[in-house]
Amino acid sequence: GQTVWHRPPGDGRRGATLQLGDPATIAERTGCDVVADFRTRDMAAGGHGAPLVPWVDQLLFALPDGARALQNIGGIGNVTWVPPRGSAGGTFAFDTGPGNALMDAAVEIATGGRLTFDRDGRLAAQGRVDEALLADLLRHPYFAAEPPKSTGREEFGRPFVQRLVEAVQPEGDRDWLDLVATLTELTARSIADAYRRWLVPRGVDEVVVSGGGARNPTLVRRIQALLDPLKVSDGEVLGVDPEAKEAVAFAVLAWAHLRGIPANVPAATGASGPRVLGSLTPGARASGAA
């Protein structure tokens, strides 16, 4: 389902998560078997319930002779480091921080809902980064926290931007453009900083960017510049539409569930061990309905 609320475990409390999309209704209306609720199984085992695509990334996208960093940029950014195929080391993954969520919220607030995202990064390209504000934002404790770690819109979403707007009080178009540019740079800088801290020491031969953020040239150019001389490629090199990569991943997780194959990566989620993810709701035909 679509995650609308997610609280990772921490400070002695259990994690919790909420997804939209009722598998029973989907099974009834389509007649298809439905595998859903992947995150809760990992969280029941003490994990963050995210990221859940590393097992699929290793299965489908490992290079024969090099290490890949697969960077997804949805509302939140997450990365999977995939070692060469057949190597002894396992995958390593975590959420890097904000993806598109902060930029999108700023654009929506600035335009009164007329626009909901920065198409092609055009607004950010017209603004100037407020370096002092950016430095303050980069002091958020999440960025320095050690993996395994995950985050969500509860931390980096519309409330974050609303508080920021109250603090900086943008007045005209120029101020708003600068704010969008600064939040775009925050996403790029937080990704690059995470790579320098935790991925570059492991070795990275190629960075592949996917998700909606891959369609933002302004953001991608900044990531390329900050990661230079690393090779940064579009998700299409994987043979999958960059915006469909996570959908493909969860289809593979459903396949793994049906075959009883554990598909979480405890090193990425913090779970106590490998688990078969998801729950199965048989379709109407399978349950004998007319």
Foldseek 3Di string as FASTA:
>chain_A
DQWPDWAFDDPPDQIDTDDDDDQQVVLAVPLAKDWDQQQVVLSVLVWRSDDQLQLVCQVQPAAQQAWEWEWEAAQWIKIKIHGHPPDPDGIAIATLGGGFALLQLLVCVVVVNPGRHCQLQPLLVPAAAPVVVLVVVCPPVVLVDDDLYYDDCVVVHNVVNVVVCVVVVDDDSRSSSNVSNNVLVSNLVSVLSCCVVPPVVVHHQEYEYAAPNLRHVVSVVSNPVSNPPHHYYYNCVSVDHRNCVVVVSVVVLVVCLVVQHFRGDCNNTVGPDTGNGTDIDRHCVVVPHD
